[in-house]
Amino acid sequence: MNAGESTATELYQRALGGTFRMEADAARKCAANFLRFADALDPQIARSHHVRSLGGFGDFDSARQLRRGFEAKGAHLTTALAALQHSALRMAAAYLLAAGLIRETDDASSRTLLAATAGLETSG
């Protein structure tokens, strides 16, 4: 599953290289949308962890296979949601970088830094 990683990375690289530029207010608004989306994924990711260990399928071999299959799907769901969240954070960083509001650093995808730069209030 492609959760937008390549698009987010390409946009970030273009912003870094100066071929993608934005006006600061528009960049803040775009980044804020992606940050709200990333925040909205937190409870979904937390819930997806519950599907990784299931019970109630019984002791037959077919039941164990079915349980393992559903647990594997739960693990894939967690991975996909986390990748989607990472892509959203990368997109937010790309917009802010394109407007010159942040520089490339190890903290460029820090949610707190991005939220503050986008003008969002944080609870942490």
PDB file of N, CA and C in Angstrom:
ATOM      1  N   MET A   1       0.830  -1.178   0.000  1.00  0.00           N
ATOM      2  CA  MET A   1       0.000   0.000   0.000  1.00  0.00           C
ATOM      3  C   MET A   1       0.878   1.245   0.000  1.00  0.00           C
ATOM      4  N   ASN A   2       0.570   2.171  -0.860  1.00  0.00           N
ATOM      5  CA  ASN A   2       1.280   3.441  -0.908  1.00  0.00           C
ATOM      6  C   ASN A   2       0.465   4.459  -0.128  1.00  0.00           C
ATOM      7  N   ALA A   3       1.002   4.925   0.964  1.00  0.00           N
ATOM      8  CA  ALA A   3       0.302   5.896   1.812  1.00  0.00           C
ATOM      9  C   ALA A   3       0.748   7.318   1.505  1.00  0.00           C
ATOM     10  N   GLY A   4       1.206   7.556   0.295  1.00  0.00           N
ATOM     11  CA  GLY A   4       1.620   8.891  -0.104  1.00  0.00           C
ATOM     12  C   GLY A   4       3.055   9.232   0.221  1.00  0.00           C
ATOM     13  N   GLU A   5       3.822   8.214   0.635  1.00  0.00           N
ATOM     14  CA  GLU A   5       5.209   8.485   1.016  1.00  0.00           C
ATOM     15  C   GLU A   5       6.009   9.107  -0.122  1.00  0.00           C
ATOM     16  N   SER A   6       5.867   8.562  -1.324  1.00  0.00           N
ATOM     17  CA  SER A   6       6.679   9.065  -2.438  1.00  0.00           C
ATOM     18  C   SER A   6       6.279  10.488  -2.813  1.00  0.00           C
ATOM     19  N   THR A   7       4.992  10.786  -2.778  1.00  0.00           N
ATOM     20  CA  THR A   7       4.531  12.139  -3.088  1.00  0.00           C
ATOM     21  C   THR A   7       5.032  13.129  -2.047  1.00  0.00           C
ATOM     22  N   ALA A   8       4.924  12.759  -0.783  1.00  0.00           N
ATOM     23  CA  ALA A   8       5.374  13.640   0.296  1.00  0.00           C
ATOM     24  C   ALA A   8       6.879  13.871   0.213  1.00  0.00           C
ATOM     25  N   THR A   9       7.623  12.819  -0.057  1.00  0.00           N
ATOM     26  CA  THR A   9       9.077  12.943  -0.161  1.00  0.00           C
ATOM     27  C   THR A   9       9.463  13.812  -1.350  1.00  0.00           C
ATOM     28  N   GLU A  10       8.796  13.609  -2.485  1.00  0.00           N
ATOM     29  CA  GLU A  10       9.098  14.409  -3.676  1.00  0.00           C
ATOM     30  C   GLU A  10       8.798  15.887  -3.430  1.00  0.00           C
ATOM     31  N   LEU A  11       7.655  16.176  -2.832  1.00  0.00           N
ATOM     32  CA  LEU A  11       7.299  17.562  -2.553  1.00  0.00           C
ATOM     33  C   LEU A  11       8.299  18.194  -1.582  1.00  0.00           C
ATOM     34  N   TYR A  12       8.685  17.443  -0.572  1.00  0.00           N
ATOM     35  CA  TYR A  12       9.667  17.933   0.401  1.00  0.00           C
ATOM     36  C   TYR A  12      11.001  18.223  -0.300  1.00  0.00           C
ATOM     37  N   GLN A  13      11.437  17.315  -1.162  1.00  0.00           N
ATOM     38  CA  GLN A  13      12.704  17.513  -1.877  1.00  0.00           C
ATOM     39  C   GLN A  13      12.638  18.732  -2.794  1.00  0.00           C
ATOM     40  N   ARG A  14      11.491  18.945  -3.427  1.00  0.00           N
ATOM     41  CA  ARG A  14      11.339  20.125  -4.287  1.00  0.00           C
ATOM     42  C   ARG A  14      11.380  21.409  -3.465  1.00  0.00           C
ATOM     43  N   ALA A  15      10.747  21.373  -2.294  1.00  0.00           N
ATOM     44  CA  ALA A  15      10.793  22.547  -1.411  1.00  0.00           C
ATOM     45  C   ALA A  15      12.221  22.793  -0.947  1.00  0.00           C
ATOM     46  N   LEU A  16      12.914  21.738  -0.616  1.00  0.00           N
ATOM     47  CA  LEU A  16      14.303  21.835  -0.172  1.00  0.00           C
ATOM     48  C   LEU A  16      15.190  22.399  -1.278  1.00  0.00           C
ATOM     49  N   GLY A  17      14.930  21.969  -2.512  1.00  0.00           N
ATOM     50  CA  GLY A  17      15.716  22.434  -3.646  1.00  0.00           C
ATOM     51  C   GLY A  17      15.299  23.795  -4.180  1.00  0.00           C
ATOM     52  N   GLY A  18      14.203  24.336  -3.662  1.00  0.00           N
ATOM     53  CA  GLY A  18      13.761  25.657  -4.092  1.00  0.00           C
ATOM     54  C   GLY A  18      12.874  25.676  -5.310  1.00  0.00           C
ATOM     55  N   THR A  19      12.508  24.509  -5.845  1.00  0.00           N
ATOM     56  CA  THR A  19      11.633  24.491  -7.017  1.00  0.00           C
ATOM     57  C   THR A  19      10.155  24.488  -6.637  1.00  0.00           C
ATOM     58  N   PHE A  20       9.856  24.304  -5.376  1.00  0.00           N
ATOM     59  CA  PHE A  20       8.488  24.408  -4.867  1.00  0.00           C
ATOM     60  C   PHE A  20       8.493  25.491  -3.803  1.00  0.00           C
ATOM     61  N   ARG A  21       7.730  26.556  -4.079  1.00  0.00           N
ATOM     62  CA  ARG A  21       7.657  27.681  -3.149  1.00  0.00           C
ATOM     63  C   ARG A  21       6.198  28.019  -2.895  1.00  0.00           C
ATOM     64  N   MET A  22       5.954  28.555  -1.711  1.00  0.00           N
ATOM     65  CA  MET A  22       4.600  28.974  -1.348  1.00  0.00           C
ATOM     66  C   MET A  22       4.655  30.263  -0.552  1.00  0.00           C
ATOM     67  N   GLU A  23       3.537  30.974  -0.562  1.00  0.00           N
ATOM     68  CA  GLU A  23       3.346  32.147   0.285  1.00  0.00           C
ATOM     69  C   GLU A  23       3.113  31.655   1.710  1.00  0.00           C
ATOM     70  N   ALA A  24       3.619  32.379   2.681  1.00  0.00           N
ATOM     71  CA  ALA A  24       3.624  31.912   4.073  1.00  0.00           C
ATOM     72  C   ALA A  24       2.234  31.595   4.624  1.00  0.00           C
ATOM     73  N   ASP A  25       1.259  32.471   4.414  1.00  0.00           N
ATOM     74  CA  ASP A  25      -0.077  32.212   4.969  1.00  0.00           C
ATOM     75  C   ASP A  25      -0.709  30.970   4.355  1.00  0.00           C
ATOM     76  N   ALA A  26      -0.563  30.817   3.055  1.00  0.00           N
ATOM     77  CA  ALA A  26      -1.117  29.626   2.391  1.00  0.00           C
ATOM     78  C   ALA A  26      -0.410  28.367   2.875  1.00  0.00           C
ATOM     79  N   ALA A  27       0.899  28.464   3.046  1.00  0.00           N
ATOM     80  CA  ALA A  27       1.664  27.306   3.526  1.00  0.00           C
ATOM     81  C   ALA A  27       1.227  26.909   4.928  1.00  0.00           C
ATOM     82  N   ARG A  28       1.003  27.895   5.780  1.00  0.00           N
ATOM     83  CA  ARG A  28       0.539  27.598   7.147  1.00  0.00           C
ATOM     84  C   ARG A  28      -0.813  26.888   7.124  1.00  0.00           C
ATOM     85  N   LYS A  29      -1.712  27.360   6.266  1.00  0.00           N
ATOM     86  CA  LYS A  29      -3.044  26.742   6.178  1.00  0.00           C
ATOM     87  C   LYS A  29      -2.950  25.306   5.670  1.00  0.00           C
ATOM     88  N   CYS A  30      -2.156  25.096   4.635  1.00  0.00           N
ATOM     89  CA  CYS A  30      -1.991  23.732   4.103  1.00  0.00           C
ATOM     90  C   CYS A  30      -1.361  22.820   5.149  1.00  0.00           C
ATOM     91  N   ALA A  31      -0.309  23.307   5.789  1.00  0.00           N
ATOM     92  CA  ALA A  31       0.371  22.509   6.813  1.00  0.00           C
ATOM     93  C   ALA A  31      -0.576  22.188   7.958  1.00  0.00           C
ATOM     94  N   ALA A  32      -1.381  23.160   8.365  1.00  0.00           N
ATOM     95  CA  ALA A  32      -2.327  22.939   9.464  1.00  0.00           C
ATOM     96  C   ALA A  32      -3.311  21.824   9.127  1.00  0.00           C
ATOM     97  N   ASN A  33      -3.765  21.775   7.880  1.00  0.00           N
ATOM     98  CA  ASN A  33      -4.681  20.694   7.479  1.00  0.00           C
ATOM     99  C   ASN A  33      -4.015  19.329   7.606  1.00  0.00           C
ATOM    100  N   PHE A  34      -2.791  19.221   7.149  1.00  0.00           N
ATOM    101  CA  PHE A  34      -2.085  17.940   7.250  1.00  0.00           C
ATOM    102  C   PHE A  34      -1.781  17.580   8.704  1.00  0.00           C
ATOM    103  N   LEU A  35      -1.493  18.575   9.518  1.00  0.00           N
ATOM    104  CA  LEU A  35      -1.227  18.309  10.938  1.00  0.00           C
ATOM    105  C   LEU A  35      -2.490  17.854  11.668  1.00  0.00           C
ATOM    106  N   ARG A  36      -3.628  18.473  11.345  1.00  0.00           N
ATOM    107  CA  ARG A  36      -4.889  18.019  11.952  1.00  0.00           C
ATOM    108  C   ARG A  36      -5.194  16.585  11.529  1.00  0.00           C
ATOM    109  N   PHE A  37      -4.914  16.270  10.272  1.00  0.00           N
ATOM    110  CA  PHE A  37      -5.123  14.904   9.790  1.00  0.00           C
ATOM    111  C   PHE A  37      -4.219  13.929  10.544  1.00  0.00           C
ATOM    112  N   ALA A  38      -2.954  14.297  10.707  1.00  0.00           N
ATOM    113  CA  ALA A  38      -2.017  13.435  11.446  1.00  0.00           C
ATOM    114  C   ALA A  38      -2.493  13.234  12.879  1.00  0.00           C
ATOM    115  N   ASP A  39      -2.977  14.296  13.504  1.00  0.00           N
ATOM    116  CA  ASP A  39      -3.500  14.182  14.869  1.00  0.00           C
ATOM    117  C   ASP A  39      -4.722  13.273  14.921  1.00  0.00           C
ATOM    118  N   ALA A  40      -5.575  13.367  13.906  1.00  0.00           N
ATOM    119  CA  ALA A  40      -6.788  12.539  13.867  1.00  0.00           C
ATOM    120  C   ALA A  40      -6.458  11.056  13.720  1.00  0.00           C
ATOM    121  N   LEU A  41      -5.287  10.751  13.214  1.00  0.00           N
ATOM    122  CA  LEU A  41      -4.883   9.349  13.063  1.00  0.00           C
ATOM    123  C   LEU A  41      -4.420   8.721  14.371  1.00  0.00           C
ATOM    124  N   ASP A  42      -4.045   9.530  15.356  1.00  0.00           N
ATOM    125  CA  ASP A  42      -3.566   8.982  16.634  1.00  0.00           C
ATOM    126  C   ASP A  42      -4.529   7.974  17.254  1.00  0.00           C
ATOM    127  N   PRO A  43      -5.821   8.307  17.423  1.00  0.00           N
ATOM    128  CA  PRO A  43      -6.719   7.314  18.029  1.00  0.00           C
ATOM    129  C   PRO A  43      -6.933   6.089  17.143  1.00  0.00           C
ATOM    130  N   GLN A  44      -6.871   6.283  15.835  1.00  0.00           N
ATOM    131  CA  GLN A  44      -7.026   5.143  14.923  1.00  0.00           C
ATOM    132  C   GLN A  44      -5.848   4.184  15.061  1.00  0.00           C
ATOM    133  N   ILE A  45      -4.667   4.737  15.174  1.00  0.00           N
ATOM    134  CA  ILE A  45      -3.471   3.904  15.356  1.00  0.00           C
ATOM    135  C   ILE A  45      -3.559   3.166  16.688  1.00  0.00           C
ATOM    136  N   ALA A  46      -3.976   3.871  17.723  1.00  0.00           N
ATOM    137  CA  ALA A  46      -4.111   3.229  19.041  1.00  0.00           C
ATOM    138  C   ALA A  46      -5.118   2.083  18.988  1.00  0.00           C
ATOM    139  N   ARG A  47      -6.248   2.306  18.319  1.00  0.00           N
ATOM    140  CA  ARG A  47      -7.260   1.239  18.205  1.00  0.00           C
ATOM    141  C   ARG A  47      -6.762   0.070  17.374  1.00  0.00           C
ATOM    142  N   SER A  48      -5.952   0.356  16.375  1.00  0.00           N
ATOM    143  CA  SER A  48      -5.472  -0.724  15.505  1.00  0.00           C
ATOM    144  C   SER A  48      -4.586  -1.704  16.262  1.00  0.00           C
ATOM    145  N   HIS A  49      -3.978  -1.270  17.341  1.00  0.00           N
ATOM    146  CA  HIS A  49      -3.140  -2.169  18.147  1.00  0.00           C
ATOM    147  C   HIS A  49      -3.973  -3.265  18.814  1.00  0.00           C
ATOM    148  N   HIS A  50      -5.246  -2.975  19.072  1.00  0.00           N
ATOM    149  CA  HIS A  50      -6.118  -3.964  19.722  1.00  0.00           C
ATOM    150  C   HIS A  50      -6.431  -5.143  18.803  1.00  0.00           C
ATOM    151  N   VAL A  51      -6.326  -4.952  17.512  1.00  0.00           N
ATOM    152  CA  VAL A  51      -6.645  -6.005  16.546  1.00  0.00           C
ATOM    153  C   VAL A  51      -5.457  -6.934  16.331  1.00  0.00           C
ATOM    154  N   ARG A  52      -4.348  -6.615  16.942  1.00  0.00           N
ATOM    155  CA  ARG A  52      -3.139  -7.416  16.730  1.00  0.00           C
ATOM    156  C   ARG A  52      -3.087  -8.647  17.615  1.00  0.00           C
ATOM    157  N   SER A  53      -3.979  -8.749  18.582  1.00  0.00           N
ATOM    158  CA  SER A  53      -4.026  -9.917  19.462  1.00  0.00           C
ATOM    159  C   SER A  53      -5.493 -10.229  19.745  1.00  0.00           C
ATOM    160  N   LEU A  54      -5.997 -11.242  19.080  1.00  0.00           N
ATOM    161  CA  LEU A  54      -7.417 -11.567  19.150  1.00  0.00           C
ATOM    162  C   LEU A  54      -7.653 -12.891  19.855  1.00  0.00           C
ATOM    163  N   GLY A  55      -8.812 -13.023  20.428  1.00  0.00           N
ATOM    164  CA  GLY A  55      -9.202 -14.279  21.073  1.00  0.00           C
ATOM    165  C   GLY A  55     -10.582 -14.697  20.600  1.00  0.00           C
ATOM    166  N   GLY A  56     -11.043 -15.836  21.116  1.00  0.00           N
ATOM    167  CA  GLY A  56     -12.385 -16.291  20.818  1.00  0.00           C
ATOM    168  C   GLY A  56     -12.547 -17.081  19.537  1.00  0.00           C
ATOM    169  N   PHE A  57     -11.471 -17.553  18.960  1.00  0.00           N
ATOM    170  CA  PHE A  57     -11.563 -18.294  17.711  1.00  0.00           C
ATOM    171  C   PHE A  57     -11.608 -19.806  17.921  1.00  0.00           C
ATOM    172  N   GLY A  58     -11.313 -20.255  19.106  1.00  0.00           N
ATOM    173  CA  GLY A  58     -11.332 -21.694  19.360  1.00  0.00           C
ATOM    174  C   GLY A  58      -9.974 -22.330  19.157  1.00  0.00           C
ATOM    175  N   ASP A  59      -9.954 -23.665  19.346  1.00  0.00           N
ATOM    176  CA  ASP A  59      -8.685 -24.396  19.308  1.00  0.00           C
ATOM    177  C   ASP A  59      -8.465 -25.226  18.051  1.00  0.00           C
ATOM    178  N   PHE A  60      -9.403 -25.200  17.130  1.00  0.00           N
ATOM    179  CA  PHE A  60      -9.182 -25.942  15.890  1.00  0.00           C
ATOM    180  C   PHE A  60      -8.075 -25.270  15.084  1.00  0.00           C
ATOM    181  N   ASP A  61      -7.393 -26.066  14.288  1.00  0.00           N
ATOM    182  CA  ASP A  61      -6.312 -25.531  13.462  1.00  0.00           C
ATOM    183  C   ASP A  61      -6.833 -24.428  12.545  1.00  0.00           C
ATOM    184  N   SER A  62      -7.994 -24.638  11.949  1.00  0.00           N
ATOM    185  CA  SER A  62      -8.561 -23.628  11.052  1.00  0.00           C
ATOM    186  C   SER A  62      -8.872 -22.335  11.810  1.00  0.00           C
ATOM    187  N   ALA A  63      -9.299 -22.458  13.071  1.00  0.00           N
ATOM    188  CA  ALA A  63      -9.580 -21.272  13.888  1.00  0.00           C
ATOM    189  C   ALA A  63      -8.292 -20.513  14.187  1.00  0.00           C
ATOM    190  N   ARG A  64      -7.227 -21.240  14.483  1.00  0.00           N
ATOM    191  CA  ARG A  64      -5.935 -20.590  14.735  1.00  0.00           C
ATOM    192  C   ARG A  64      -5.433 -19.884  13.475  1.00  0.00           C
ATOM    193  N   GLN A  65      -5.616 -20.521  12.328  1.00  0.00           N
ATOM    194  CA  GLN A  65      -5.202 -19.896  11.071  1.00  0.00           C
ATOM    195  C   GLN A  65      -6.005 -18.618  10.809  1.00  0.00           C
ATOM    196  N   LEU A  66      -7.303 -18.697  11.071  1.00  0.00           N
ATOM    197  CA  LEU A  66      -8.165 -17.531  10.884  1.00  0.00           C
ATOM    198  C   LEU A  66      -7.740 -16.392  11.820  1.00  0.00           C
ATOM    199  N   ARG A  67      -7.479 -16.717  13.087  1.00  0.00           N
ATOM    200  CA  ARG A  67      -7.042 -15.722  14.065  1.00  0.00           C
ATOM    201  C   ARG A  67      -5.730 -15.078  13.624  1.00  0.00           C
ATOM    202  N   ARG A  68      -4.768 -15.912  13.203  1.00  0.00           N
ATOM    203  CA  ARG A  68      -3.477 -15.368  12.750  1.00  0.00           C
ATOM    204  C   ARG A  68      -3.661 -14.458  11.533  1.00  0.00           C
ATOM    205  N   GLY A  69      -4.568 -14.830  10.651  1.00  0.00           N
ATOM    206  CA  GLY A  69      -4.832 -13.996   9.479  1.00  0.00           C
ATOM    207  C   GLY A  69      -5.379 -12.626   9.856  1.00  0.00           C
ATOM    208  N   PHE A  70      -6.341 -12.620  10.787  1.00  0.00           N
ATOM    209  CA  PHE A  70      -6.894 -11.344  11.240  1.00  0.00           C
ATOM    210  C   PHE A  70      -5.860 -10.529  12.011  1.00  0.00           C
ATOM    211  N   GLU A  71      -5.049 -11.185  12.807  1.00  0.00           N
ATOM    212  CA  GLU A  71      -3.997 -10.471  13.534  1.00  0.00           C
ATOM    213  C   GLU A  71      -2.980  -9.864  12.571  1.00  0.00           C
ATOM    214  N   ALA A  72      -2.662 -10.582  11.501  1.00  0.00           N
ATOM    215  CA  ALA A  72      -1.741 -10.048  10.496  1.00  0.00           C
ATOM    216  C   ALA A  72      -2.345  -8.825   9.817  1.00  0.00           C
ATOM    217  N   LYS A  73      -3.649  -8.885   9.535  1.00  0.00           N
ATOM    218  CA  LYS A  73      -4.318  -7.721   8.939  1.00  0.00           C
ATOM    219  C   LYS A  73      -4.283  -6.536   9.904  1.00  0.00           C
ATOM    220  N   GLY A  74      -4.426  -6.805  11.195  1.00  0.00           N
ATOM    221  CA  GLY A  74      -4.329  -5.741  12.194  1.00  0.00           C
ATOM    222  C   GLY A  74      -2.954  -5.105  12.203  1.00  0.00           C
ATOM    223  N   ALA A  75      -1.924  -5.927  12.092  1.00  0.00           N
ATOM    224  CA  ALA A  75      -0.553  -5.406  12.044  1.00  0.00           C
ATOM    225  C   ALA A  75      -0.342  -4.567  10.786  1.00  0.00           C
ATOM    226  N   HIS A  76      -0.892  -5.030   9.662  1.00  0.00           N
ATOM    227  CA  HIS A  76      -0.784  -4.265   8.413  1.00  0.00           C
ATOM    228  C   HIS A  76      -1.525  -2.935   8.530  1.00  0.00           C
ATOM    229  N   LEU A  77      -2.671  -2.954   9.203  1.00  0.00           N
ATOM    230  CA  LEU A  77      -3.430  -1.720   9.404  1.00  0.00           C
ATOM    231  C   LEU A  77      -2.611  -0.711  10.205  1.00  0.00           C
ATOM    232  N   THR A  78      -1.995  -1.156  11.276  1.00  0.00           N
ATOM    233  CA  THR A  78      -1.167  -0.268  12.094  1.00  0.00           C
ATOM    234  C   THR A  78      -0.029   0.314  11.258  1.00  0.00           C
ATOM    235  N   THR A  79       0.616  -0.521  10.478  1.00  0.00           N
ATOM    236  CA  THR A  79       1.718  -0.068   9.625  1.00  0.00           C
ATOM    237  C   THR A  79       1.239   0.959   8.605  1.00  0.00           C
ATOM    238  N   ALA A  80       0.092   0.694   7.980  1.00  0.00           N
ATOM    239  CA  ALA A  80      -0.439   1.610   6.969  1.00  0.00           C
ATOM    240  C   ALA A  80      -0.832   2.950   7.583  1.00  0.00           C
ATOM    241  N   LEU A  81      -1.484   2.923   8.732  1.00  0.00           N
ATOM    242  CA  LEU A  81      -1.880   4.169   9.391  1.00  0.00           C
ATOM    243  C   LEU A  81      -0.663   4.980   9.822  1.00  0.00           C
ATOM    244  N   ALA A  82       0.359   4.309  10.332  1.00  0.00           N
ATOM    245  CA  ALA A  82       1.582   5.007  10.740  1.00  0.00           C
ATOM    246  C   ALA A  82       2.278   5.634   9.529  1.00  0.00           C
ATOM    247  N   ALA A  83       2.292   4.926   8.402  1.00  0.00           N
ATOM    248  CA  ALA A  83       2.900   5.467   7.184  1.00  0.00           C
ATOM    249  C   ALA A  83       2.107   6.666   6.680  1.00  0.00           C
ATOM    250  N   LEU A  84       0.792   6.577   6.755  1.00  0.00           N
ATOM    251  CA  LEU A  84      -0.062   7.688   6.344  1.00  0.00           C
ATOM    252  C   LEU A  84       0.189   8.912   7.227  1.00  0.00           C
ATOM    253  N   GLN A  85       0.330   8.687   8.513  1.00  0.00           N
ATOM    254  CA  GLN A  85       0.605   9.775   9.444  1.00  0.00           C
ATOM    255  C   GLN A  85       1.977  10.404   9.156  1.00  0.00           C
ATOM    256  N   HIS A  86       2.965   9.571   8.912  1.00  0.00           N
ATOM    257  CA  HIS A  86       4.300  10.082   8.583  1.00  0.00           C
ATOM    258  C   HIS A  86       4.250  10.914   7.303  1.00  0.00           C
ATOM    259  N   SER A  87       3.492  10.454   6.310  1.00  0.00           N
ATOM    260  CA  SER A  87       3.358  11.203   5.060  1.00  0.00           C
ATOM    261  C   SER A  87       2.695  12.555   5.301  1.00  0.00           C
ATOM    262  N   ALA A  88       1.678  12.579   6.152  1.00  0.00           N
ATOM    263  CA  ALA A  88       0.997  13.840   6.460  1.00  0.00           C
ATOM    264  C   ALA A  88       1.958  14.823   7.125  1.00  0.00           C
ATOM    265  N   LEU A  89       2.774  14.329   8.043  1.00  0.00           N
ATOM    266  CA  LEU A  89       3.760  15.192   8.701  1.00  0.00           C
ATOM    267  C   LEU A  89       4.803  15.689   7.703  1.00  0.00           C
ATOM    268  N   ARG A  90       5.191  14.831   6.786  1.00  0.00           N
ATOM    269  CA  ARG A  90       6.175  15.206   5.759  1.00  0.00           C
ATOM    270  C   ARG A  90       5.585  16.266   4.824  1.00  0.00           C
ATOM    271  N   MET A  91       4.298  16.125   4.491  1.00  0.00           N
ATOM    272  CA  MET A  91       3.634  17.121   3.643  1.00  0.00           C
ATOM    273  C   MET A  91       3.583  18.470   4.367  1.00  0.00           C
ATOM    274  N   ALA A  92       3.227  18.446   5.652  1.00  0.00           N
ATOM    275  CA  ALA A  92       3.194  19.692   6.423  1.00  0.00           C
ATOM    276  C   ALA A  92       4.572  20.349   6.417  1.00  0.00           C
ATOM    277  N   ALA A  93       5.595  19.551   6.633  1.00  0.00           N
ATOM    278  CA  ALA A  93       6.961  20.077   6.620  1.00  0.00           C
ATOM    279  C   ALA A  93       7.311  20.644   5.250  1.00  0.00           C
ATOM    280  N   ALA A  94       6.881  19.985   4.188  1.00  0.00           N
ATOM    281  CA  ALA A  94       7.175  20.457   2.829  1.00  0.00           C
ATOM    282  C   ALA A  94       6.565  21.831   2.585  1.00  0.00           C
ATOM    283  N   TYR A  95       5.319  22.017   2.995  1.00  0.00           N
ATOM    284  CA  TYR A  95       4.673  23.319   2.798  1.00  0.00           C
ATOM    285  C   TYR A  95       5.391  24.416   3.583  1.00  0.00           C
ATOM    286  N   LEU A  96       5.714  24.134   4.829  1.00  0.00           N
ATOM    287  CA  LEU A  96       6.397  25.142   5.648  1.00  0.00           C
ATOM    288  C   LEU A  96       7.802  25.430   5.130  1.00  0.00           C
ATOM    289  N   LEU A  97       8.471  24.406   4.643  1.00  0.00           N
ATOM    290  CA  LEU A  97       9.798  24.578   4.053  1.00  0.00           C
ATOM    291  C   LEU A  97       9.703  25.402   2.769  1.00  0.00           C
ATOM    292  N   ALA A  98       8.668  25.155   1.966  1.00  0.00           N
ATOM    293  CA  ALA A  98       8.481  25.879   0.705  1.00  0.00           C
ATOM    294  C   ALA A  98       8.251  27.369   0.937  1.00  0.00           C
ATOM    295  N   ALA A  99       7.709  27.711   2.091  1.00  0.00           N
ATOM    296  CA  ALA A  99       7.471  29.120   2.419  1.00  0.00           C
ATOM    297  C   ALA A  99       8.646  29.737   3.172  1.00  0.00           C
ATOM    298  N   GLY A 100       9.677  28.943   3.430  1.00  0.00           N
ATOM    299  CA  GLY A 100      10.834  29.444   4.154  1.00  0.00           C
ATOM    300  C   GLY A 100      10.581  29.610   5.645  1.00  0.00           C
ATOM    301  N   LEU A 101       9.558  28.936   6.162  1.00  0.00           N
ATOM    302  CA  LEU A 101       9.212  29.064   7.580  1.00  0.00           C
ATOM    303  C   LEU A 101      10.001  28.112   8.465  1.00  0.00           C
ATOM    304  N   ILE A 102      10.549  27.056   7.874  1.00  0.00           N
ATOM    305  CA  ILE A 102      11.429  26.135   8.592  1.00  0.00           C
ATOM    306  C   ILE A 102      12.619  25.841   7.694  1.00  0.00           C
ATOM    307  N   ARG A 103      13.643  25.304   8.288  1.00  0.00           N
ATOM    308  CA  ARG A 103      14.801  24.827   7.536  1.00  0.00           C
ATOM    309  C   ARG A 103      14.880  23.329   7.729  1.00  0.00           C
ATOM    310  N   GLU A 104      15.619  22.687   6.845  1.00  0.00           N
ATOM    311  CA  GLU A 104      15.788  21.241   6.974  1.00  0.00           C
ATOM    312  C   GLU A 104      16.624  20.954   8.214  1.00  0.00           C
ATOM    313  N   THR A 105      16.054  20.167   9.103  1.00  0.00           N
ATOM    314  CA  THR A 105      16.758  19.722  10.302  1.00  0.00           C
ATOM    315  C   THR A 105      16.252  18.338  10.646  1.00  0.00           C
ATOM    316  N   ASP A 106      16.850  17.740  11.619  1.00  0.00           N
ATOM    317  CA  ASP A 106      16.348  16.453  12.087  1.00  0.00           C
ATOM    318  C   ASP A 106      14.960  16.593  12.687  1.00  0.00           C
ATOM    319  N   ASP A 107      14.624  17.798  13.159  1.00  0.00           N
ATOM    320  CA  ASP A 107      13.332  18.036  13.788  1.00  0.00           C
ATOM    321  C   ASP A 107      12.282  18.541  12.803  1.00  0.00           C
ATOM    322  N   ALA A 108      12.574  18.513  11.508  1.00  0.00           N
ATOM    323  CA  ALA A 108      11.658  19.090  10.528  1.00  0.00           C
ATOM    324  C   ALA A 108      10.284  18.444  10.555  1.00  0.00           C
ATOM    325  N   SER A 109      10.195  17.200  10.998  1.00  0.00           N
ATOM    326  CA  SER A 109       8.877  16.570  11.054  1.00  0.00           C
ATOM    327  C   SER A 109       8.371  16.432  12.488  1.00  0.00           C
ATOM    328  N   SER A 110       8.959  17.171  13.416  1.00  0.00           N
ATOM    329  CA  SER A 110       8.465  17.200  14.788  1.00  0.00           C
ATOM    330  C   SER A 110       7.076  17.826  14.788  1.00  0.00           C
ATOM    331  N   ARG A 111       6.104  17.105  15.301  1.00  0.00           N
ATOM    332  CA  ARG A 111       4.738  17.605  15.290  1.00  0.00           C
ATOM    333  C   ARG A 111       4.599  18.909  16.061  1.00  0.00           C
ATOM    334  N   THR A 112       5.294  19.036  17.159  1.00  0.00           N
ATOM    335  CA  THR A 112       5.199  20.248  17.969  1.00  0.00           C
ATOM    336  C   THR A 112       5.756  21.444  17.212  1.00  0.00           C
ATOM    337  N   LEU A 113       6.927  21.266  16.600  1.00  0.00           N
ATOM    338  CA  LEU A 113       7.537  22.338  15.818  1.00  0.00           C
ATOM    339  C   LEU A 113       6.656  22.714  14.636  1.00  0.00           C
ATOM    340  N   LEU A 114       6.170  21.722  13.920  1.00  0.00           N
ATOM    341  CA  LEU A 114       5.334  21.996  12.756  1.00  0.00           C
ATOM    342  C   LEU A 114       4.042  22.699  13.161  1.00  0.00           C
ATOM    343  N   ALA A 115       3.414  22.232  14.233  1.00  0.00           N
ATOM    344  CA  ALA A 115       2.158  22.837  14.682  1.00  0.00           C
ATOM    345  C   ALA A 115       2.371  24.293  15.095  1.00  0.00           C
ATOM    346  N   ALA A 116       3.441  24.557  15.813  1.00  0.00           N
ATOM    347  CA  ALA A 116       3.724  25.929  16.234  1.00  0.00           C
ATOM    348  C   ALA A 116       3.976  26.822  15.027  1.00  0.00           C
ATOM    349  N   THR A 117       4.710  26.329  14.062  1.00  0.00           N
ATOM    350  CA  THR A 117       5.018  27.110  12.868  1.00  0.00           C
ATOM    351  C   THR A 117       3.768  27.344  12.030  1.00  0.00           C
ATOM    352  N   ALA A 118       2.865  26.365  12.016  1.00  0.00           N
ATOM    353  CA  ALA A 118       1.623  26.501  11.256  1.00  0.00           C
ATOM    354  C   ALA A 118       0.595  27.350  11.995  1.00  0.00           C
ATOM    355  N   GLY A 119       0.892  27.698  13.253  1.00  0.00           N
ATOM    356  CA  GLY A 119      -0.027  28.524  14.018  1.00  0.00           C
ATOM    357  C   GLY A 119      -1.094  27.749  14.762  1.00  0.00           C
ATOM    358  N   LEU A 120      -0.897  26.446  14.939  1.00  0.00           N
ATOM    359  CA  LEU A 120      -1.850  25.627  15.684  1.00  0.00           C
ATOM    360  C   LEU A 120      -1.447  25.584  17.145  1.00  0.00           C
ATOM    361  N   GLU A 121      -2.441  25.525  18.008  1.00  0.00           N
ATOM    362  CA  GLU A 121      -2.155  25.325  19.427  1.00  0.00           C
ATOM    363  C   GLU A 121      -1.909  23.852  19.660  1.00  0.00           C
ATOM    364  N   THR A 122      -0.972  23.538  20.542  1.00  0.00           N
ATOM    365  CA  THR A 122      -0.691  22.141  20.870  1.00  0.00           C
ATOM    366  C   THR A 122      -1.091  21.878  22.300  1.00  0.00           C
ATOM    367  N   SER A 123      -1.456  20.615  22.552  1.00  0.00           N
ATOM    368  CA  SER A 123      -1.851  20.239  23.906  1.00  0.00           C
ATOM    369  C   SER A 123      -0.681  19.712  24.709  1.00  0.00           C
ATOM    370  N   GLY A 124       0.504  19.523  24.077  1.00  0.00           N
ATOM    371  CA  GLY A 124       1.644  18.946  24.770  1.00  0.00           C
ATOM    372  C   GLY A 124       2.626  19.900  25.170  1.00  0.00           C
TER     373      GLY A 124
END
